[in-house]
């Protein structure tokens, strides 16, 4: 059986290579030191601590963490922006949240984009090379290894999505968020478990402005222009439904309403300088405006209710960008605004969330008839254009 002999040979060869490489630990004794820059950042120090903890769980050994200038005379695990990393990169700038795990003459470089990269690099090393798995915030697997060696192959990665959030109860734990490469936190009013922000030493995160009125970051129309304050004086700011102005949604083509909305939104942003994202989104019910002006925009946009919404959001985002260059305006493609507009595209500082709230999730989406309408929108070329930034 030639195939069997080849398989045995490959296993023996792999075992030989494993044994021949620079060892990280052997029989519960550390054979490597964790090295950080002399002026290490909080993130680099935390990444080194996470590495030391993970290695101890895998090998049983205790690993020293020392500054780069100490030059330990053993295998080095170089965490963060060390000289070894700079020599390896040769002046190349990091992509956002990029990660690098690579062999260098000085040892193993574990580095990345300064905000979170060193943490992500440590996690990648523990997962990919040592088989560590974090299943939940409380359950993990740390396979035992008597004599692990440095990896031979380099690893680099840049996330395809800049902002990432996992929204379920166990993912509200800050350390588990980082291990899942989550970097975004949004708060809602119905939280059985408190959703905690990621602290600075774990790289921090991005978050939506929290509206105290509804105790939520979402569905902001009436948070910004509440009907109890404005409807009596300005019923024309609100949606025309069945021939009558009603406090359902906003009339998104009303110029005076838009001016007042922008002024209030900017006031809130000035009072919250740490804001990264702020929602400009429809209320959590139906009642789109059916006035002649809104209907005309819908006709221009292929009959999509999202037409007036996205034009309005773009105008608000343009005003926000003039004063707050880094703030993103977040909105929904939700229920009656899910169908993509035919012509209008989001501005570069607008983030559109395509919402599948109507779908059933007990089976794959494509297997259930009740999900067909959503899947049709998802598959439509206009949805792709809708989600595309300029």
Protein backbone atom coordinates (compact mmCIF):
# COMPACT_ATOMS: atom_id res chain seq x y z
CA UNK A 1 0.00 0.00 0.00
CA UNK A 2 2.24 2.83 -1.25
CA UNK A 3 -0.16 5.55 -0.16
CA UNK A 4 0.03 4.39 3.43
CA UNK A 5 3.85 4.47 3.46
CA UNK A 6 3.83 7.98 2.00
CA UNK A 7 1.40 9.12 4.70
CA UNK A 8 3.61 7.69 7.45
CA UNK A 9 6.70 9.33 5.92
CA UNK A 10 4.97 12.72 5.84
CA UNK A 11 3.92 12.43 9.46
CA UNK A 12 7.49 11.57 10.48
CA UNK A 13 8.85 14.42 8.38
CA UNK A 14 6.43 16.88 9.97
CA UNK A 15 7.44 15.63 13.41
CA UNK A 16 11.09 16.14 12.57
CA UNK A 17 10.53 19.69 11.39
CA UNK A 18 8.54 20.46 14.53
CA UNK A 19 11.35 19.20 16.72
CA UNK A 20 14.06 21.03 14.77
CA UNK A 21 12.68 24.57 15.00
CA UNK A 22 13.42 27.13 17.75
CA UNK A 23 11.44 26.02 20.76
CA UNK A 24 9.06 28.25 22.66
CA UNK A 25 8.91 25.96 25.69
CA UNK A 26 9.96 22.46 26.72
CA UNK A 27 8.49 20.29 29.48
CA UNK A 28 6.97 23.23 31.34
CA UNK A 29 10.00 25.51 31.05
CA UNK A 30 9.95 28.66 28.91
CA UNK A 31 12.55 28.74 26.14
CA UNK A 32 11.46 32.13 24.83
CA UNK A 33 10.86 35.62 26.17
CA UNK A 34 8.08 38.02 25.22
CA UNK A 35 9.56 41.32 24.07
CA UNK A 36 7.77 44.67 23.81
CA UNK A 37 9.03 48.10 22.70
CA UNK A 38 10.78 50.10 25.40
CA UNK A 39 7.95 52.65 25.32
CA UNK A 40 5.19 50.08 24.85
CA UNK A 41 1.63 51.28 24.45
CA UNK A 42 -1.22 50.05 26.64
CA UNK A 43 -2.36 47.82 23.78
CA UNK A 44 1.12 46.32 23.34
CA UNK A 45 1.44 45.65 27.06
CA UNK A 46 -1.99 44.00 27.12
CA UNK A 47 -1.16 41.95 24.02
CA UNK A 48 2.02 40.71 25.71
CA UNK A 49 0.06 39.79 28.83
CA UNK A 50 -2.50 37.90 26.72
CA UNK A 51 0.33 36.04 25.00
CA UNK A 52 1.98 35.11 28.29
CA UNK A 53 -1.33 33.87 29.66
CA UNK A 54 -2.15 31.83 26.55
CA UNK A 55 1.31 30.26 26.42
CA UNK A 56 1.18 29.31 30.07
CA UNK A 57 -2.17 27.59 29.55
CA UNK A 58 -0.77 25.66 26.57
CA UNK A 59 2.72 24.80 27.87
CA UNK A 60 2.52 25.17 31.64
CA UNK A 61 5.54 27.52 31.51
CA UNK A 62 5.80 31.07 32.84
CA UNK A 63 7.05 33.57 30.26
CA UNK A 64 8.89 36.77 31.09
CA UNK A 65 7.83 40.03 29.44
CA UNK A 66 10.76 42.37 28.94
CA UNK A 67 11.57 45.59 27.07
CA UNK A 68 13.34 45.37 23.73
CA UNK A 69 16.49 47.00 25.08
CA UNK A 70 16.97 44.08 27.50
CA UNK A 71 17.95 41.83 24.55
CA UNK A 72 17.14 38.45 26.14
CA UNK A 73 19.50 35.68 25.03
CA UNK A 74 16.80 33.26 23.93
CA UNK A 75 14.03 32.93 21.36
CA UNK A 76 12.07 36.17 21.18
CA UNK A 77 8.36 36.71 20.68
CA UNK A 78 8.34 40.37 19.60
CA UNK A 79 4.98 42.01 20.29
CA UNK A 80 4.09 45.37 18.77
CA UNK A 81 6.14 48.06 17.07
CA UNK A 82 9.59 46.69 17.86
CA UNK A 83 12.70 47.43 15.82
CA UNK A 84 12.42 43.93 14.41
CA UNK A 85 8.96 44.75 13.09
CA UNK A 86 10.17 48.02 11.56
CA UNK A 87 13.07 46.22 9.85
CA UNK A 88 10.68 43.63 8.48
CA UNK A 89 8.18 46.21 7.21
CA UNK A 90 10.76 48.53 5.65
CA UNK A 91 8.60 51.64 6.03
CA UNK A 92 5.36 50.10 4.74
CA UNK A 93 2.29 51.58 6.42
CA UNK A 94 -0.33 49.37 8.06
CA UNK A 95 -3.80 48.90 6.64
CA UNK A 96 -6.65 49.40 9.11
CA UNK A 97 -6.61 46.54 11.67
CA UNK A 98 -3.97 44.67 9.64
CA UNK A 99 -2.21 41.77 11.39
CA UNK A 100 1.24 40.25 10.86
CA UNK A 101 2.82 37.13 12.36
CA UNK A 102 6.22 36.59 10.73
CA UNK A 103 9.66 35.14 11.34
CA UNK A 104 12.54 37.63 11.50
CA UNK A 105 16.23 37.28 12.36
CA UNK A 106 15.44 38.57 15.86
CA UNK A 107 12.60 36.08 16.48
CA UNK A 108 8.85 36.00 15.80
CA UNK A 109 7.18 39.35 15.06
CA UNK A 110 3.58 39.73 16.24
CA UNK A 111 2.47 43.18 15.15
CA UNK A 112 -0.14 45.11 13.23
CA UNK A 113 -2.02 48.37 12.98
CA UNK A 114 -1.33 50.27 16.18
CA UNK A 115 -4.91 50.44 17.46
CA UNK A 116 -5.59 46.72 17.76
CA UNK A 117 -3.09 44.91 15.53
CA UNK A 118 -0.74 43.56 18.24
CA UNK A 119 -3.71 42.00 20.06
CA UNK A 120 -5.08 40.49 16.88
CA UNK A 121 -1.60 39.17 16.00
CA UNK A 122 -1.27 37.46 19.38
CA UNK A 123 -4.72 35.92 18.99
CA UNK A 124 -3.89 34.76 15.46
CA UNK A 125 -0.69 33.10 16.68
CA UNK A 126 -2.46 31.31 19.53
CA UNK A 127 -5.30 30.17 17.28
CA UNK A 128 -3.48 29.27 14.08
CA UNK A 129 -0.24 27.84 15.48
CA UNK A 130 -1.19 26.45 18.89
CA UNK A 131 -4.83 25.51 18.25
CA UNK A 132 -6.38 27.72 20.91
CA UNK A 133 -10.14 28.23 20.53
CA UNK A 134 -12.35 30.72 22.34
CA UNK A 135 -15.84 29.29 21.97
CA UNK A 136 -17.65 31.73 24.26
CA UNK A 137 -16.72 34.38 26.79
CA UNK A 138 -16.30 31.64 29.41
CA UNK A 139 -15.44 28.48 27.44
CA UNK A 140 -12.15 27.90 25.62
CA UNK A 141 -9.80 25.13 24.50
CA UNK A 142 -6.06 25.39 25.14
CA UNK A 143 -4.44 22.23 23.72
CA UNK A 144 -1.42 21.08 25.72
CA UNK A 145 1.98 21.18 23.98
CA UNK A 146 5.22 20.01 25.63
CA UNK A 147 7.64 21.52 23.11
CA UNK A 148 6.04 23.96 20.65
CA UNK A 149 8.33 25.71 18.17
CA UNK A 150 8.10 28.92 16.16
CA UNK A 151 5.92 28.69 13.07
CA UNK A 152 7.73 28.43 9.75
CA UNK A 153 5.07 30.16 7.62
CA UNK A 154 4.27 33.86 7.89
CA UNK A 155 0.69 35.05 8.29
CA UNK A 156 -0.87 38.39 7.46
CA UNK A 157 -4.46 39.53 7.23
CA UNK A 158 -6.47 42.69 6.68
CA UNK A 159 -10.19 42.46 7.57
CA UNK A 160 -12.47 43.00 4.55
CA UNK A 161 -14.93 44.90 6.76
CA UNK A 162 -13.60 47.95 8.57
CA UNK A 163 -16.25 47.92 11.31
CA UNK A 164 -17.39 44.64 12.84
CA UNK A 165 -20.03 43.89 15.47
CA UNK A 166 -21.42 40.59 16.76
CA UNK A 167 -24.76 41.33 18.38
CA UNK A 168 -25.70 38.52 20.75
CA UNK A 169 -25.56 38.39 24.53
CA UNK A 170 -22.28 36.52 24.98
CA UNK A 171 -20.56 38.86 22.52
CA UNK A 172 -21.19 41.77 24.89
CA UNK A 173 -18.07 40.76 26.85
CA UNK A 174 -15.16 43.10 25.90
CA UNK A 175 -12.37 40.49 25.87
CA UNK A 176 -14.47 38.06 23.84
CA UNK A 177 -15.22 40.87 21.37
CA UNK A 178 -11.50 41.34 20.81
CA UNK A 179 -10.93 37.62 20.39
CA UNK A 180 -13.71 37.61 17.79
CA UNK A 181 -12.10 40.67 16.12
CA UNK A 182 -15.11 42.84 16.93
CA UNK A 183 -14.35 46.56 17.02
CA UNK A 184 -17.82 48.14 17.19
CA UNK A 185 -20.35 48.50 20.00
CA UNK A 186 -23.90 49.77 19.74
CA UNK A 187 -26.33 50.04 22.62
CA UNK A 188 -30.05 49.34 22.67
CA UNK A 189 -32.64 49.70 25.39
CA UNK A 190 -33.60 46.04 25.78
CA UNK A 191 -30.38 44.49 27.06
CA UNK A 192 -30.72 41.44 29.27
CA UNK A 193 -26.94 41.54 29.65
CA UNK A 194 -25.13 44.88 29.65
CA UNK A 195 -23.26 45.51 26.41
CA UNK A 196 -19.88 46.84 27.53
CA UNK A 197 -17.54 48.99 25.47
CA UNK A 198 -14.05 47.71 24.70
CA UNK A 199 -11.52 49.48 26.96
CA UNK A 200 -8.50 51.35 25.62
CA UNK A 201 -5.95 48.68 26.57
CA UNK A 202 -7.90 46.20 24.44
CA UNK A 203 -7.83 48.57 21.49
CA UNK A 204 -11.05 50.47 22.13
CA UNK A 205 -13.97 50.40 19.74
CA UNK A 206 -16.32 52.48 17.62
CA UNK A 207 -19.84 53.17 18.69
CA UNK A 208 -23.11 54.79 17.79
CA UNK A 209 -24.30 57.93 19.50
CA UNK A 210 -26.73 56.88 22.25
CA UNK A 211 -30.05 58.73 22.35
CA UNK A 212 -31.11 59.03 25.97
CA UNK A 213 -34.78 59.58 25.10
CA UNK A 214 -35.49 56.05 23.87
CA UNK A 215 -32.39 54.61 25.54
CA UNK A 216 -31.18 53.41 22.17
CA UNK A 217 -28.79 54.29 19.36
CA UNK A 218 -31.35 53.45 16.67
CA UNK A 219 -34.48 54.87 14.98
CA UNK A 220 -33.58 58.47 15.58
CA UNK A 221 -36.08 60.65 13.66
CA UNK A 222 -38.17 61.55 16.68
CA UNK A 223 -35.16 61.69 18.98
CA UNK A 224 -33.87 64.61 16.94
CA UNK A 225 -37.22 66.28 16.19
CA UNK A 226 -39.76 64.99 18.73
CA UNK A 227 -43.41 65.64 17.74
CA UNK A 228 -44.33 66.73 21.25
CA UNK A 229 -41.98 69.68 20.74
CA UNK A 230 -42.52 70.53 17.08
CA UNK A 231 -45.69 68.99 15.63
CA UNK A 232 -48.18 71.66 16.70
CA UNK A 233 -46.07 74.45 15.21
CA UNK A 234 -44.81 72.48 12.19
CA UNK A 235 -47.13 69.63 11.18
CA UNK A 236 -45.68 69.89 7.66
CA UNK A 237 -42.40 68.49 9.04
CA UNK A 238 -44.11 65.15 9.59
CA UNK A 239 -45.47 62.52 7.24
CA UNK A 240 -48.64 62.87 5.24
CA UNK A 241 -50.55 59.61 5.73
CA UNK A 242 -54.00 59.08 4.20
CA UNK A 243 -54.25 62.78 3.44
CA UNK A 244 -53.45 63.95 6.97
CA UNK A 245 -50.22 65.10 8.61
CA UNK A 246 -49.39 62.60 11.34
CA UNK A 247 -46.55 61.97 13.77
CA UNK A 248 -45.46 58.76 12.05
CA UNK A 249 -42.25 59.64 10.21
CA UNK A 250 -40.65 62.83 8.91
CA UNK A 251 -41.48 64.53 5.62
CA UNK A 252 -38.04 64.04 4.14
CA UNK A 253 -38.41 66.58 1.33
CA UNK A 254 -39.31 69.47 3.63
CA UNK A 255 -36.42 71.95 3.49
CA UNK A 256 -37.17 73.68 6.80
CA UNK A 257 -37.41 70.37 8.61
CA UNK A 258 -34.07 69.31 7.17
CA UNK A 259 -32.48 72.57 8.31
CA UNK A 260 -33.80 72.09 11.86
CA UNK A 261 -32.76 68.43 11.87
CA UNK A 262 -29.20 69.26 10.85
CA UNK A 263 -28.92 72.02 13.44
CA UNK A 264 -30.04 69.69 16.24
CA UNK A 265 -27.81 66.85 15.10
CA UNK A 266 -24.77 69.12 14.99
CA UNK A 267 -25.60 70.42 18.45
CA UNK A 268 -25.60 66.86 19.77
CA UNK A 269 -22.32 66.04 18.09
CA UNK A 270 -20.66 69.12 19.56
CA UNK A 271 -21.77 67.96 23.00
CA UNK A 272 -20.40 64.45 22.41
CA UNK A 273 -16.95 64.89 20.81
CA UNK A 274 -16.06 61.19 21.12
CA UNK A 275 -18.87 60.13 18.76
CA UNK A 276 -17.82 57.94 15.84
CA UNK A 277 -21.23 57.19 14.31
CA UNK A 278 -24.67 58.71 14.61
CA UNK A 279 -27.93 57.34 13.28
CA UNK A 280 -30.23 59.22 10.93
CA UNK A 281 -32.88 56.59 10.55
CA UNK A 282 -36.63 56.06 10.30
CA UNK A 283 -38.78 55.31 13.31
CA UNK A 284 -39.46 51.68 14.14
CA UNK A 285 -42.82 51.54 12.41
CA UNK A 286 -44.40 52.34 9.07
CA UNK A 287 -45.99 55.64 7.97
CA UNK A 288 -43.78 56.95 5.16
CA UNK A 289 -44.73 60.39 3.92
CA UNK A 290 -47.01 60.36 0.87
CA UNK A 291 -46.91 64.08 0.03
CA UNK A 292 -46.47 65.09 -3.61
CA UNK A 293 -42.79 66.00 -3.17
CA UNK A 294 -41.87 62.69 -1.49
CA UNK A 295 -43.86 60.74 -4.09
CA UNK A 296 -42.05 62.58 -6.88
CA UNK A 297 -38.65 61.57 -5.47
CA UNK A 298 -39.83 57.98 -5.13
CA UNK A 299 -40.86 58.00 -8.79
CA UNK A 300 -37.41 59.26 -9.78
CA UNK A 301 -35.87 56.43 -7.72
CA UNK A 302 -37.79 53.57 -9.31
CA UNK A 303 -40.67 53.66 -6.84
CA UNK A 304 -38.41 53.11 -3.81
CA UNK A 305 -39.31 54.71 -0.47
CA UNK A 306 -35.56 54.61 0.18
CA UNK A 307 -35.14 57.40 -2.38
CA UNK A 308 -36.31 60.27 -0.17
CA UNK A 309 -34.58 58.70 2.82
CA UNK A 310 -31.16 58.34 1.23
CA UNK A 311 -31.25 61.81 -0.33
CA UNK A 312 -32.11 63.24 3.09
CA UNK A 313 -29.39 61.20 4.83
CA UNK A 314 -26.83 62.28 2.24
CA UNK A 315 -27.67 65.94 2.80
CA UNK A 316 -27.38 65.53 6.56
CA UNK A 317 -24.09 63.64 6.14
CA UNK A 318 -22.68 66.41 3.96
CA UNK A 319 -23.39 68.94 6.71
CA UNK A 320 -21.89 66.63 9.34
CA UNK A 321 -18.72 66.12 7.31
CA UNK A 322 -18.04 69.84 7.06
CA UNK A 323 -17.59 70.02 10.84
CA UNK A 324 -16.94 66.40 11.89
CA UNK A 325 -14.70 64.85 9.27
CA UNK A 326 -14.37 61.44 10.95
CA UNK A 327 -18.01 60.91 11.96
CA UNK A 328 -20.06 58.43 9.93
CA UNK A 329 -23.80 58.79 9.47
CA UNK A 330 -25.53 55.46 9.94
CA UNK A 331 -28.93 54.60 8.46
CA UNK A 332 -31.21 51.65 7.75
CA UNK A 333 -32.50 49.88 4.68
CA UNK A 334 -35.38 48.61 6.76
CA UNK A 335 -38.91 47.40 6.09
CA UNK A 336 -40.37 49.92 3.63
CA UNK A 337 -36.94 51.44 2.79
CA UNK A 338 -35.29 48.11 2.00
CA UNK A 339 -35.73 48.36 -1.75
CA UNK A 340 -32.72 50.16 -3.17
CA UNK A 341 -33.19 53.51 -4.95
CA UNK A 342 -32.53 53.47 -8.67
CA UNK A 343 -30.16 56.43 -8.84
CA UNK A 344 -28.99 57.83 -5.50
CA UNK A 345 -25.94 56.31 -3.85
CA UNK A 346 -24.70 56.82 -0.28
CA UNK A 347 -22.09 59.50 0.33
CA UNK A 348 -18.65 58.34 1.43
CA UNK A 349 -19.48 59.06 5.09
CA UNK A 350 -22.82 57.21 5.04
CA UNK A 351 -23.14 53.63 6.29
CA UNK A 352 -26.25 51.70 5.24
CA UNK A 353 -27.41 48.68 7.23
CA UNK A 354 -29.52 46.23 5.25
CA UNK A 355 -31.98 44.79 7.78
CA UNK A 356 -33.53 41.33 7.60
CA UNK A 357 -35.91 41.71 10.54
CA UNK A 358 -38.80 40.10 8.65
CA UNK A 359 -36.88 36.91 7.95
CA UNK A 360 -37.12 33.58 9.71
CA UNK A 361 -33.81 32.18 10.92
CA UNK A 362 -34.65 28.62 12.01
CA UNK A 363 -33.44 27.40 8.62
CA UNK A 364 -31.03 28.78 6.00
CA UNK A 365 -32.57 31.90 4.48
CA UNK A 366 -32.88 30.38 1.03
CA UNK A 367 -34.93 27.41 2.21
CA UNK A 368 -37.98 29.30 3.47
CA UNK A 369 -40.64 30.92 1.28
CA UNK A 370 -41.19 33.68 3.82
CA UNK A 371 -37.69 34.99 3.11
CA UNK A 372 -38.11 35.28 -0.66
CA UNK A 373 -38.85 39.02 -0.69
CA UNK A 374 -35.72 39.80 1.29
CA UNK A 375 -33.57 37.52 -0.85
CA UNK A 376 -34.91 39.16 -3.99
CA UNK A 377 -33.82 42.56 -2.69
CA UNK A 378 -30.48 41.16 -1.61
CA UNK A 379 -29.83 39.64 -5.03
CA UNK A 380 -30.89 42.71 -6.96
CA UNK A 381 -28.05 44.66 -8.52
CA UNK A 382 -29.43 47.88 -7.08
CA UNK A 383 -28.84 46.66 -3.54
CA UNK A 384 -25.18 46.25 -4.35
CA UNK A 385 -25.10 49.80 -5.67
CA UNK A 386 -27.04 51.00 -2.60
CA UNK A 387 -24.42 49.60 -0.27
CA UNK A 388 -21.50 50.89 -2.32
CA UNK A 389 -19.76 54.02 -1.09
CA UNK A 390 -18.61 56.63 -3.51
